[in-house]
Amino acid sequence: MKATIYHNPRCSKSRLTLDILKEKGVELQIIQYLKDTPSAEELKTLLSTLNMGARSLMRTQESAYKDNNLDNKTLSEDDLIQAMVDNPILIERPIIKTNKGVVIGRPPEKVLTII
């Protein structure tokens, strides 16, 4: 089994999810998304697979969310996706992708549904 994890090593949920994947012997591609930010197209693909809108993937308590007035309901999906590209700290984490699907590892055990 192979998986890609969009990971933030400072996040406890992300570290726990990574530990579960390693424990299960999953071959990993680790993307530290704060350093290697996904493109708008990558985010659109993840959102489509997750079957959710951009705002649902955003960390709304981050200062970047408030500072950029991202709670404005008139912003388009493309506007919100671009905000995540520009401020990757806004992306909910961790996101795990396998050939069985994509999940957000909250709680970390949720990853078990796609491995």
PDB file of N, CA and C in Angstrom:
ATOM      1  N   MET A   1       0.851  -1.184   0.000  1.00  0.00           N
ATOM      2  CA  MET A   1       0.000   0.000   0.000  1.00  0.00           C
ATOM      3  C   MET A   1       0.889   1.237   0.000  1.00  0.00           C
ATOM      4  N   LYS A   2       0.515   2.193  -0.827  1.00  0.00           N
ATOM      5  CA  LYS A   2       1.209   3.478  -0.891  1.00  0.00           C
ATOM      6  C   LYS A   2       0.235   4.579  -0.472  1.00  0.00           C
ATOM      7  N   ALA A   3       0.783   5.603   0.172  1.00  0.00           N
ATOM      8  CA  ALA A   3      -0.042   6.736   0.591  1.00  0.00           C
ATOM      9  C   ALA A   3       0.772   8.014   0.479  1.00  0.00           C
ATOM     10  N   THR A   4       0.048   9.099   0.220  1.00  0.00           N
ATOM     11  CA  THR A   4       0.613  10.433   0.279  1.00  0.00           C
ATOM     12  C   THR A   4      -0.033  11.126   1.461  1.00  0.00           C
ATOM     13  N   ILE A   5       0.807  11.752   2.292  1.00  0.00           N
ATOM     14  CA  ILE A   5       0.281  12.490   3.428  1.00  0.00           C
ATOM     15  C   ILE A   5       0.767  13.928   3.326  1.00  0.00           C
ATOM     16  N   TYR A   6      -0.188  14.842   3.397  1.00  0.00           N
ATOM     17  CA  TYR A   6       0.108  16.266   3.481  1.00  0.00           C
ATOM     18  C   TYR A   6       0.262  16.527   4.971  1.00  0.00           C
ATOM     19  N   HIS A   7       1.494  16.740   5.382  1.00  0.00           N
ATOM     20  CA  HIS A   7       1.895  16.636   6.784  1.00  0.00           C
ATOM     21  C   HIS A   7       2.477  17.934   7.303  1.00  0.00           C
ATOM     22  N   ASN A   8       2.167  18.217   8.578  1.00  0.00           N
ATOM     23  CA  ASN A   8       2.800  19.307   9.308  1.00  0.00           C
ATOM     24  C   ASN A   8       3.415  18.671  10.550  1.00  0.00           C
ATOM     25  N   PRO A   9       4.751  18.579  10.609  1.00  0.00           N
ATOM     26  CA  PRO A   9       5.381  17.897  11.731  1.00  0.00           C
ATOM     27  C   PRO A   9       5.118  18.552  13.088  1.00  0.00           C
ATOM     28  N   ARG A  10       4.646  19.782  13.118  1.00  0.00           N
ATOM     29  CA  ARG A  10       4.345  20.458  14.387  1.00  0.00           C
ATOM     30  C   ARG A  10       2.942  20.124  14.894  1.00  0.00           C
ATOM     31  N   CYS A  11       2.140  19.451  14.082  1.00  0.00           N
ATOM     32  CA  CYS A  11       0.754  19.140  14.436  1.00  0.00           C
ATOM     33  C   CYS A  11       0.665  17.731  15.039  1.00  0.00           C
ATOM     34  N   SER A  12       0.103  17.638  16.236  1.00  0.00           N
ATOM     35  CA  SER A  12       0.015  16.336  16.912  1.00  0.00           C
ATOM     36  C   SER A  12      -0.859  15.346  16.141  1.00  0.00           C
ATOM     37  N   LYS A  13      -1.962  15.809  15.562  1.00  0.00           N
ATOM     38  CA  LYS A  13      -2.834  14.898  14.799  1.00  0.00           C
ATOM     39  C   LYS A  13      -2.109  14.383  13.558  1.00  0.00           C
ATOM     40  N   SER A  14      -1.332  15.242  12.939  1.00  0.00           N
ATOM     41  CA  SER A  14      -0.574  14.843  11.759  1.00  0.00           C
ATOM     42  C   SER A  14       0.493  13.813  12.143  1.00  0.00           C
ATOM     43  N   ARG A  15       1.179  14.042  13.252  1.00  0.00           N
ATOM     44  CA  ARG A  15       2.204  13.094  13.704  1.00  0.00           C
ATOM     45  C   ARG A  15       1.581  11.754  14.075  1.00  0.00           C
ATOM     46  N   LEU A  16       0.435  11.771  14.754  1.00  0.00           N
ATOM     47  CA  LEU A  16      -0.244  10.523  15.123  1.00  0.00           C
ATOM     48  C   LEU A  16      -0.696   9.745  13.888  1.00  0.00           C
ATOM     49  N   THR A  17      -1.208  10.469  12.902  1.00  0.00           N
ATOM     50  CA  THR A  17      -1.643   9.822  11.663  1.00  0.00           C
ATOM     51  C   THR A  17      -0.450   9.198  10.948  1.00  0.00           C
ATOM     52  N   LEU A  18       0.646   9.916  10.889  1.00  0.00           N
ATOM     53  CA  LEU A  18       1.867   9.400  10.273  1.00  0.00           C
ATOM     54  C   LEU A  18       2.339   8.148  11.003  1.00  0.00           C
ATOM     55  N   ASP A  19       2.271   8.151  12.328  1.00  0.00           N
ATOM     56  CA  ASP A  19       2.659   6.976  13.109  1.00  0.00           C
ATOM     57  C   ASP A  19       1.791   5.771  12.763  1.00  0.00           C
ATOM     58  N   ILE A  20       0.493   5.979  12.610  1.00  0.00           N
ATOM     59  CA  ILE A  20      -0.409   4.874  12.241  1.00  0.00           C
ATOM     60  C   ILE A  20      -0.013   4.309  10.891  1.00  0.00           C
ATOM     61  N   LEU A  21       0.247   5.181   9.932  1.00  0.00           N
ATOM     62  CA  LEU A  21       0.626   4.722   8.599  1.00  0.00           C
ATOM     63  C   LEU A  21       1.931   3.925   8.627  1.00  0.00           C
ATOM     64  N   LYS A  22       2.900   4.415   9.366  1.00  0.00           N
ATOM     65  CA  LYS A  22       4.186   3.707   9.485  1.00  0.00           C
ATOM     66  C   LYS A  22       3.990   2.360  10.171  1.00  0.00           C
ATOM     67  N   GLU A  23       3.185   2.348  11.233  1.00  0.00           N
ATOM     68  CA  GLU A  23       2.909   1.121  11.981  1.00  0.00           C
ATOM     69  C   GLU A  23       2.276   0.054  11.088  1.00  0.00           C
ATOM     70  N   LYS A  24       1.463   0.495  10.148  1.00  0.00           N
ATOM     71  CA  LYS A  24       0.786  -0.426   9.229  1.00  0.00           C
ATOM     72  C   LYS A  24       1.657  -0.794   8.029  1.00  0.00           C
ATOM     73  N   GLY A  25       2.883  -0.263   7.975  1.00  0.00           N
ATOM     74  CA  GLY A  25       3.806  -0.616   6.900  1.00  0.00           C
ATOM     75  C   GLY A  25       3.488   0.035   5.563  1.00  0.00           C
ATOM     76  N   VAL A  26       2.800   1.150   5.592  1.00  0.00           N
ATOM     77  CA  VAL A  26       2.419   1.847   4.366  1.00  0.00           C
ATOM     78  C   VAL A  26       3.639   2.569   3.801  1.00  0.00           C
ATOM     79  N   GLU A  27       3.843   2.428   2.490  1.00  0.00           N
ATOM     80  CA  GLU A  27       4.911   3.157   1.801  1.00  0.00           C
ATOM     81  C   GLU A  27       4.449   4.597   1.638  1.00  0.00           C
ATOM     82  N   LEU A  28       5.246   5.539   2.146  1.00  0.00           N
ATOM     83  CA  LEU A  28       4.782   6.920   2.265  1.00  0.00           C
ATOM     84  C   LEU A  28       5.507   7.902   1.373  1.00  0.00           C
ATOM     85  N   GLN A  29       4.716   8.804   0.827  1.00  0.00           N
ATOM     86  CA  GLN A  29       5.230  10.036   0.252  1.00  0.00           C
ATOM     87  C   GLN A  29       4.763  11.118   1.220  1.00  0.00           C
ATOM     88  N   ILE A  30       5.716  11.766   1.877  1.00  0.00           N
ATOM     89  CA  ILE A  30       5.388  12.785   2.868  1.00  0.00           C
ATOM     90  C   ILE A  30       5.599  14.154   2.239  1.00  0.00           C
ATOM     91  N   ILE A  31       4.535  14.921   2.180  1.00  0.00           N
ATOM     92  CA  ILE A  31       4.609  16.285   1.653  1.00  0.00           C
ATOM     93  C   ILE A  31       4.420  17.233   2.827  1.00  0.00           C
ATOM     94  N   GLN A  32       5.474  17.951   3.160  1.00  0.00           N
ATOM     95  CA  GLN A  32       5.358  18.976   4.196  1.00  0.00           C
ATOM     96  C   GLN A  32       4.775  20.213   3.513  1.00  0.00           C
ATOM     97  N   TYR A  33       3.454  20.286   3.544  1.00  0.00           N
ATOM     98  CA  TYR A  33       2.731  21.258   2.728  1.00  0.00           C
ATOM     99  C   TYR A  33       3.024  22.717   3.071  1.00  0.00           C
ATOM    100  N   LEU A  34       3.595  22.979   4.241  1.00  0.00           N
ATOM    101  CA  LEU A  34       3.969  24.357   4.550  1.00  0.00           C
ATOM    102  C   LEU A  34       5.207  24.777   3.757  1.00  0.00           C
ATOM    103  N   LYS A  35       6.032  23.797   3.379  1.00  0.00           N
ATOM    104  CA  LYS A  35       7.227  24.060   2.576  1.00  0.00           C
ATOM    105  C   LYS A  35       6.979  23.798   1.095  1.00  0.00           C
ATOM    106  N   ASP A  36       6.210  22.776   0.807  1.00  0.00           N
ATOM    107  CA  ASP A  36       5.915  22.359  -0.569  1.00  0.00           C
ATOM    108  C   ASP A  36       4.398  22.437  -0.761  1.00  0.00           C
ATOM    109  N   THR A  37       3.905  23.648  -0.927  1.00  0.00           N
ATOM    110  CA  THR A  37       2.469  23.907  -0.955  1.00  0.00           C
ATOM    111  C   THR A  37       1.814  23.292  -2.187  1.00  0.00           C
ATOM    112  N   PRO A  38       0.686  22.604  -2.002  1.00  0.00           N
ATOM    113  CA  PRO A  38      -0.041  22.081  -3.153  1.00  0.00           C
ATOM    114  C   PRO A  38      -0.532  23.223  -4.049  1.00  0.00           C
ATOM    115  N   SER A  39      -0.581  22.951  -5.324  1.00  0.00           N
ATOM    116  CA  SER A  39      -1.091  23.938  -6.277  1.00  0.00           C
ATOM    117  C   SER A  39      -2.610  24.036  -6.148  1.00  0.00           C
ATOM    118  N   ALA A  40      -3.158  25.048  -6.774  1.00  0.00           N
ATOM    119  CA  ALA A  40      -4.618  25.205  -6.798  1.00  0.00           C
ATOM    120  C   ALA A  40      -5.259  23.982  -7.430  1.00  0.00           C
ATOM    121  N   GLU A  41      -4.650  23.464  -8.489  1.00  0.00           N
ATOM    122  CA  GLU A  41      -5.219  22.277  -9.148  1.00  0.00           C
ATOM    123  C   GLU A  41      -5.180  21.058  -8.229  1.00  0.00           C
ATOM    124  N   GLU A  42      -4.086  20.882  -7.496  1.00  0.00           N
ATOM    125  CA  GLU A  42      -3.998  19.767  -6.548  1.00  0.00           C
ATOM    126  C   GLU A  42      -5.082  19.889  -5.481  1.00  0.00           C
ATOM    127  N   LEU A  43      -5.260  21.095  -4.960  1.00  0.00           N
ATOM    128  CA  LEU A  43      -6.296  21.303  -3.945  1.00  0.00           C
ATOM    129  C   LEU A  43      -7.685  21.036  -4.512  1.00  0.00           C
ATOM    130  N   LYS A  44      -7.930  21.462  -5.736  1.00  0.00           N
ATOM    131  CA  LYS A  44      -9.237  21.198  -6.360  1.00  0.00           C
ATOM    132  C   LYS A  44      -9.484  19.705  -6.488  1.00  0.00           C
ATOM    133  N   THR A  45      -8.459  18.960  -6.867  1.00  0.00           N
ATOM    134  CA  THR A  45      -8.589  17.505  -6.995  1.00  0.00           C
ATOM    135  C   THR A  45      -8.873  16.867  -5.641  1.00  0.00           C
ATOM    136  N   LEU A  46      -8.130  17.286  -4.612  1.00  0.00           N
ATOM    137  CA  LEU A  46      -8.370  16.754  -3.267  1.00  0.00           C
ATOM    138  C   LEU A  46      -9.780  17.078  -2.798  1.00  0.00           C
ATOM    139  N   LEU A  47     -10.209  18.312  -3.004  1.00  0.00           N
ATOM    140  CA  LEU A  47     -11.556  18.714  -2.596  1.00  0.00           C
ATOM    141  C   LEU A  47     -12.624  17.910  -3.314  1.00  0.00           C
ATOM    142  N   SER A  48     -12.413  17.677  -4.587  1.00  0.00           N
ATOM    143  CA  SER A  48     -13.375  16.895  -5.363  1.00  0.00           C
ATOM    144  C   SER A  48     -13.468  15.469  -4.810  1.00  0.00           C
ATOM    145  N   THR A  49     -12.323  14.872  -4.534  1.00  0.00           N
ATOM    146  CA  THR A  49     -12.313  13.510  -4.002  1.00  0.00           C
ATOM    147  C   THR A  49     -12.907  13.463  -2.601  1.00  0.00           C
ATOM    148  N   LEU A  50     -12.637  14.496  -1.813  1.00  0.00           N
ATOM    149  CA  LEU A  50     -13.214  14.575  -0.469  1.00  0.00           C
ATOM    150  C   LEU A  50     -14.698  14.937  -0.494  1.00  0.00           C
ATOM    151  N   ASN A  51     -15.166  15.407  -1.649  1.00  0.00           N
ATOM    152  CA  ASN A  51     -16.552  15.832  -1.818  1.00  0.00           C
ATOM    153  C   ASN A  51     -16.904  16.949  -0.822  1.00  0.00           C
ATOM    154  N   MET A  52     -16.029  17.972  -0.793  1.00  0.00           N
ATOM    155  CA  MET A  52     -16.276  19.095   0.104  1.00  0.00           C
ATOM    156  C   MET A  52     -15.872  20.396  -0.558  1.00  0.00           C
ATOM    157  N   GLY A  53     -16.429  21.464  -0.064  1.00  0.00           N
ATOM    158  CA  GLY A  53     -16.076  22.784  -0.539  1.00  0.00           C
ATOM    159  C   GLY A  53     -14.796  23.271   0.115  1.00  0.00           C
ATOM    160  N   ALA A  54     -14.201  24.291  -0.491  1.00  0.00           N
ATOM    161  CA  ALA A  54     -12.919  24.809  -0.022  1.00  0.00           C
ATOM    162  C   ALA A  54     -12.974  25.280   1.422  1.00  0.00           C
ATOM    163  N   ARG A  55     -14.028  25.956   1.801  1.00  0.00           N
ATOM    164  CA  ARG A  55     -14.113  26.491   3.160  1.00  0.00           C
ATOM    165  C   ARG A  55     -14.067  25.356   4.200  1.00  0.00           C
ATOM    166  N   SER A  56     -14.584  24.188   3.850  1.00  0.00           N
ATOM    167  CA  SER A  56     -14.583  23.046   4.767  1.00  0.00           C
ATOM    168  C   SER A  56     -13.185  22.500   5.011  1.00  0.00           C
ATOM    169  N   LEU A  57     -12.247  22.820   4.125  1.00  0.00           N
ATOM    170  CA  LEU A  57     -10.871  22.356   4.269  1.00  0.00           C
ATOM    171  C   LEU A  57      -9.989  23.404   4.950  1.00  0.00           C
ATOM    172  N   MET A  58     -10.592  24.520   5.310  1.00  0.00           N
ATOM    173  CA  MET A  58      -9.819  25.626   5.875  1.00  0.00           C
ATOM    174  C   MET A  58      -9.858  25.632   7.395  1.00  0.00           C
ATOM    175  N   ARG A  59      -8.730  26.013   7.968  1.00  0.00           N
ATOM    176  CA  ARG A  59      -8.608  26.193   9.420  1.00  0.00           C
ATOM    177  C   ARG A  59      -9.069  27.619   9.737  1.00  0.00           C
ATOM    178  N   THR A  60     -10.310  27.743  10.116  1.00  0.00           N
ATOM    179  CA  THR A  60     -10.942  29.058  10.270  1.00  0.00           C
ATOM    180  C   THR A  60     -10.482  29.819  11.513  1.00  0.00           C
ATOM    181  N   GLN A  61      -9.767  29.156  12.413  1.00  0.00           N
ATOM    182  CA  GLN A  61      -9.283  29.840  13.611  1.00  0.00           C
ATOM    183  C   GLN A  61      -7.887  30.440  13.428  1.00  0.00           C
ATOM    184  N   GLU A  62      -7.274  30.196  12.289  1.00  0.00           N
ATOM    185  CA  GLU A  62      -5.951  30.759  12.019  1.00  0.00           C
ATOM    186  C   GLU A  62      -6.064  32.262  11.798  1.00  0.00           C
ATOM    187  N   SER A  63      -5.051  32.986  12.211  1.00  0.00           N
ATOM    188  CA  SER A  63      -5.070  34.445  12.033  1.00  0.00           C
ATOM    189  C   SER A  63      -5.120  34.812  10.553  1.00  0.00           C
ATOM    190  N   ALA A  64      -4.509  34.014   9.686  1.00  0.00           N
ATOM    191  CA  ALA A  64      -4.545  34.299   8.241  1.00  0.00           C
ATOM    192  C   ALA A  64      -5.975  34.271   7.708  1.00  0.00           C
ATOM    193  N   TYR A  65      -6.834  33.458   8.305  1.00  0.00           N
ATOM    194  CA  TYR A  65      -8.237  33.397   7.894  1.00  0.00           C
ATOM    195  C   TYR A  65      -8.926  34.716   8.249  1.00  0.00           C
ATOM    196  N   LYS A  66      -8.717  35.153   9.467  1.00  0.00           N
ATOM    197  CA  LYS A  66      -9.357  36.383   9.935  1.00  0.00           C
ATOM    198  C   LYS A  66      -8.741  37.612   9.266  1.00  0.00           C
ATOM    199  N   ASP A  67      -7.413  37.647   9.177  1.00  0.00           N
ATOM    200  CA  ASP A  67      -6.715  38.806   8.612  1.00  0.00           C
ATOM    201  C   ASP A  67      -7.060  39.060   7.153  1.00  0.00           C
ATOM    202  N   ASN A  68      -7.408  37.995   6.424  1.00  0.00           N
ATOM    203  CA  ASN A  68      -7.729  38.114   5.007  1.00  0.00           C
ATOM    204  C   ASN A  68      -9.227  38.123   4.741  1.00  0.00           C
ATOM    205  N   ASN A  69     -10.024  38.272   5.804  1.00  0.00           N
ATOM    206  CA  ASN A  69     -11.489  38.336   5.682  1.00  0.00           C
ATOM    207  C   ASN A  69     -12.066  37.170   4.883  1.00  0.00           C
ATOM    208  N   LEU A  70     -11.532  35.983   5.157  1.00  0.00           N
ATOM    209  CA  LEU A  70     -11.967  34.806   4.401  1.00  0.00           C
ATOM    210  C   LEU A  70     -13.330  34.285   4.844  1.00  0.00           C
ATOM    211  N   ASP A  71     -13.896  34.893   5.870  1.00  0.00           N
ATOM    212  CA  ASP A  71     -15.263  34.537   6.258  1.00  0.00           C
ATOM    213  C   ASP A  71     -16.302  35.224   5.377  1.00  0.00           C
ATOM    214  N   ASN A  72     -15.842  36.055   4.467  1.00  0.00           N
ATOM    215  CA  ASN A  72     -16.719  36.754   3.521  1.00  0.00           C
ATOM    216  C   ASN A  72     -17.418  35.724   2.631  1.00  0.00           C
ATOM    217  N   LYS A  73     -18.723  35.623   2.741  1.00  0.00           N
ATOM    218  CA  LYS A  73     -19.506  34.599   2.023  1.00  0.00           C
ATOM    219  C   LYS A  73     -19.557  34.836   0.513  1.00  0.00           C
ATOM    220  N   THR A  74     -19.126  36.015   0.049  1.00  0.00           N
ATOM    221  CA  THR A  74     -19.151  36.274  -1.399  1.00  0.00           C
ATOM    222  C   THR A  74     -17.903  35.749  -2.101  1.00  0.00           C
ATOM    223  N   LEU A  75     -16.923  35.277  -1.339  1.00  0.00           N
ATOM    224  CA  LEU A  75     -15.714  34.739  -1.964  1.00  0.00           C
ATOM    225  C   LEU A  75     -16.032  33.440  -2.698  1.00  0.00           C
ATOM    226  N   SER A  76     -15.457  33.286  -3.863  1.00  0.00           N
ATOM    227  CA  SER A  76     -15.688  32.086  -4.668  1.00  0.00           C
ATOM    228  C   SER A  76     -14.799  30.938  -4.184  1.00  0.00           C
ATOM    229  N   GLU A  77     -15.096  29.742  -4.662  1.00  0.00           N
ATOM    230  CA  GLU A  77     -14.254  28.579  -4.372  1.00  0.00           C
ATOM    231  C   GLU A  77     -12.823  28.851  -4.821  1.00  0.00           C
ATOM    232  N   ASP A  78     -12.673  29.440  -6.003  1.00  0.00           N
ATOM    233  CA  ASP A  78     -11.326  29.746  -6.505  1.00  0.00           C
ATOM    234  C   ASP A  78     -10.614  30.739  -5.592  1.00  0.00           C
ATOM    235  N   ASP A  79     -11.331  31.726  -5.064  1.00  0.00           N
ATOM    236  CA  ASP A  79     -10.735  32.686  -4.135  1.00  0.00           C
ATOM    237  C   ASP A  79     -10.232  31.975  -2.881  1.00  0.00           C
ATOM    238  N   LEU A  80     -11.039  31.075  -2.351  1.00  0.00           N
ATOM    239  CA  LEU A  80     -10.667  30.357  -1.134  1.00  0.00           C
ATOM    240  C   LEU A  80      -9.496  29.409  -1.385  1.00  0.00           C
ATOM    241  N   ILE A  81      -9.514  28.736  -2.510  1.00  0.00           N
ATOM    242  CA  ILE A  81      -8.408  27.838  -2.862  1.00  0.00           C
ATOM    243  C   ILE A  81      -7.119  28.640  -3.020  1.00  0.00           C
ATOM    244  N   GLN A  82      -7.198  29.783  -3.669  1.00  0.00           N
ATOM    245  CA  GLN A  82      -6.006  30.612  -3.836  1.00  0.00           C
ATOM    246  C   GLN A  82      -5.499  31.100  -2.476  1.00  0.00           C
ATOM    247  N   ALA A  83      -6.399  31.387  -1.565  1.00  0.00           N
ATOM    248  CA  ALA A  83      -5.987  31.795  -0.219  1.00  0.00           C
ATOM    249  C   ALA A  83      -5.206  30.678   0.469  1.00  0.00           C
ATOM    250  N   MET A  84      -5.603  29.419   0.250  1.00  0.00           N
ATOM    251  CA  MET A  84      -4.869  28.291   0.834  1.00  0.00           C
ATOM    252  C   MET A  84      -3.501  28.126   0.178  1.00  0.00           C
ATOM    253  N   VAL A  85      -3.423  28.386  -1.116  1.00  0.00           N
ATOM    254  CA  VAL A  85      -2.127  28.328  -1.803  1.00  0.00           C
ATOM    255  C   VAL A  85      -1.212  29.426  -1.251  1.00  0.00           C
ATOM    256  N   ASP A  86      -1.763  30.610  -1.078  1.00  0.00           N
ATOM    257  CA  ASP A  86      -0.985  31.745  -0.591  1.00  0.00           C
ATOM    258  C   ASP A  86      -0.632  31.626   0.894  1.00  0.00           C
ATOM    259  N   ASN A  87      -1.489  30.958   1.658  1.00  0.00           N
ATOM    260  CA  ASN A  87      -1.313  30.808   3.109  1.00  0.00           C
ATOM    261  C   ASN A  87      -1.563  29.346   3.482  1.00  0.00           C
ATOM    262  N   PRO A  88      -0.613  28.461   3.209  1.00  0.00           N
ATOM    263  CA  PRO A  88      -0.868  27.025   3.412  1.00  0.00           C
ATOM    264  C   PRO A  88      -1.193  26.634   4.848  1.00  0.00           C
ATOM    265  N   ILE A  89      -0.891  27.507   5.822  1.00  0.00           N
ATOM    266  CA  ILE A  89      -1.264  27.216   7.200  1.00  0.00           C
ATOM    267  C   ILE A  89      -2.785  27.073   7.338  1.00  0.00           C
ATOM    268  N   LEU A  90      -3.526  27.579   6.368  1.00  0.00           N
ATOM    269  CA  LEU A  90      -4.987  27.497   6.386  1.00  0.00           C
ATOM    270  C   LEU A  90      -5.512  26.105   6.043  1.00  0.00           C
ATOM    271  N   ILE A  91      -4.675  25.259   5.465  1.00  0.00           N
ATOM    272  CA  ILE A  91      -5.124  23.937   5.025  1.00  0.00           C
ATOM    273  C   ILE A  91      -5.245  23.012   6.235  1.00  0.00           C
ATOM    274  N   GLU A  92      -6.418  22.413   6.379  1.00  0.00           N
ATOM    275  CA  GLU A  92      -6.637  21.436   7.452  1.00  0.00           C
ATOM    276  C   GLU A  92      -5.690  20.266   7.234  1.00  0.00           C
ATOM    277  N   ARG A  93      -5.228  19.691   8.325  1.00  0.00           N
ATOM    278  CA  ARG A  93      -4.254  18.621   8.215  1.00  0.00           C
ATOM    279  C   ARG A  93      -4.557  17.524   9.218  1.00  0.00           C
ATOM    280  N   PRO A  94      -4.009  16.376   8.944  1.00  0.00           N
ATOM    281  CA  PRO A  94      -3.325  15.950   7.735  1.00  0.00           C
ATOM    282  C   PRO A  94      -4.322  15.453   6.695  1.00  0.00           C
ATOM    283  N   ILE A  95      -3.939  15.527   5.451  1.00  0.00           N
ATOM    284  CA  ILE A  95      -4.727  14.954   4.367  1.00  0.00           C
ATOM    285  C   ILE A  95      -3.956  13.734   3.882  1.00  0.00           C
ATOM    286  N   ILE A  96      -4.657  12.611   3.765  1.00  0.00           N
ATOM    287  CA  ILE A  96      -4.023  11.373   3.345  1.00  0.00           C
ATOM    288  C   ILE A  96      -4.726  10.862   2.094  1.00  0.00           C
ATOM    289  N   LYS A  97      -3.900  10.473   1.115  1.00  0.00           N
ATOM    290  CA  LYS A  97      -4.439   9.983  -0.158  1.00  0.00           C
ATOM    291  C   LYS A  97      -3.841   8.609  -0.436  1.00  0.00           C
ATOM    292  N   THR A  98      -4.718   7.644  -0.739  1.00  0.00           N
ATOM    293  CA  THR A  98      -4.296   6.323  -1.194  1.00  0.00           C
ATOM    294  C   THR A  98      -5.114   5.983  -2.432  1.00  0.00           C
ATOM    295  N   ASN A  99      -4.867   4.799  -2.979  1.00  0.00           N
ATOM    296  CA  ASN A  99      -5.676   4.382  -4.128  1.00  0.00           C
ATOM    297  C   ASN A  99      -7.111   4.048  -3.721  1.00  0.00           C
ATOM    298  N   LYS A 100      -7.396   4.029  -2.427  1.00  0.00           N
ATOM    299  CA  LYS A 100      -8.749   3.769  -1.928  1.00  0.00           C
ATOM    300  C   LYS A 100      -9.517   5.043  -1.594  1.00  0.00           C
ATOM    301  N   GLY A 101      -8.861   6.211  -1.690  1.00  0.00           N
ATOM    302  CA  GLY A 101      -9.560   7.455  -1.410  1.00  0.00           C
ATOM    303  C   GLY A 101      -8.700   8.475  -0.704  1.00  0.00           C
ATOM    304  N   VAL A 102      -9.362   9.518  -0.229  1.00  0.00           N
ATOM    305  CA  VAL A 102      -8.715  10.624   0.465  1.00  0.00           C
ATOM    306  C   VAL A 102      -9.511  10.904   1.729  1.00  0.00           C
ATOM    307  N   VAL A 103      -8.783  11.131   2.843  1.00  0.00           N
ATOM    308  CA  VAL A 103      -9.432  11.515   4.094  1.00  0.00           C
ATOM    309  C   VAL A 103      -8.601  12.586   4.785  1.00  0.00           C
ATOM    310  N   ILE A 104      -9.257  13.297   5.667  1.00  0.00           N
ATOM    311  CA  ILE A 104      -8.566  14.184   6.594  1.00  0.00           C
ATOM    312  C   ILE A 104      -8.401  13.377   7.873  1.00  0.00           C
ATOM    313  N   GLY A 105      -7.186  13.300   8.367  1.00  0.00           N
ATOM    314  CA  GLY A 105      -6.879  12.469   9.532  1.00  0.00           C
ATOM    315  C   GLY A 105      -7.294  13.083  10.852  1.00  0.00           C
ATOM    316  N   ARG A 106      -8.544  13.394  10.985  1.00  0.00           N
ATOM    317  CA  ARG A 106      -9.120  13.921  12.225  1.00  0.00           C
ATOM    318  C   ARG A 106     -10.394  13.147  12.507  1.00  0.00           C
ATOM    319  N   PRO A 107     -10.387  12.233  13.407  1.00  0.00           N
ATOM    320  CA  PRO A 107      -9.265  11.808  14.223  1.00  0.00           C
ATOM    321  C   PRO A 107      -8.263  10.993  13.405  1.00  0.00           C
ATOM    322  N   PRO A 108      -7.048  10.802  13.914  1.00  0.00           N
ATOM    323  CA  PRO A 108      -6.026  10.090  13.150  1.00  0.00           C
ATOM    324  C   PRO A 108      -6.467   8.700  12.685  1.00  0.00           C
ATOM    325  N   GLU A 109      -7.280   8.020  13.483  1.00  0.00           N
ATOM    326  CA  GLU A 109      -7.733   6.674  13.130  1.00  0.00           C
ATOM    327  C   GLU A 109      -8.569   6.639  11.858  1.00  0.00           C
ATOM    328  N   LYS A 110      -9.027   7.778  11.422  1.00  0.00           N
ATOM    329  CA  LYS A 110      -9.825   7.847  10.189  1.00  0.00           C
ATOM    330  C   LYS A 110      -9.041   7.327   8.990  1.00  0.00           C
ATOM    331  N   VAL A 111      -7.707   7.408   9.075  1.00  0.00           N
ATOM    332  CA  VAL A 111      -6.867   6.925   7.990  1.00  0.00           C
ATOM    333  C   VAL A 111      -7.057   5.421   7.760  1.00  0.00           C
ATOM    334  N   LEU A 112      -7.466   4.706   8.762  1.00  0.00           N
ATOM    335  CA  LEU A 112      -7.656   3.258   8.639  1.00  0.00           C
ATOM    336  C   LEU A 112      -8.734   2.922   7.606  1.00  0.00           C
ATOM    337  N   THR A 113      -9.611   3.856   7.296  1.00  0.00           N
ATOM    338  CA  THR A 113     -10.680   3.590   6.329  1.00  0.00           C
ATOM    339  C   THR A 113     -10.179   3.525   4.893  1.00  0.00           C
ATOM    340  N   ILE A 114      -8.950   4.000   4.646  1.00  0.00           N
ATOM    341  CA  ILE A 114      -8.448   4.019   3.259  1.00  0.00           C
ATOM    342  C   ILE A 114      -7.135   3.256   3.085  1.00  0.00           C
ATOM    343  N   ILE A 115      -6.763   2.450   4.092  1.00  0.00           N
ATOM    344  CA  ILE A 115      -5.557   1.629   3.913  1.00  0.00           C
ATOM    345  C   ILE A 115      -5.904   0.161   4.012  1.00  0.00           C
TER     346      ILE A 115
END
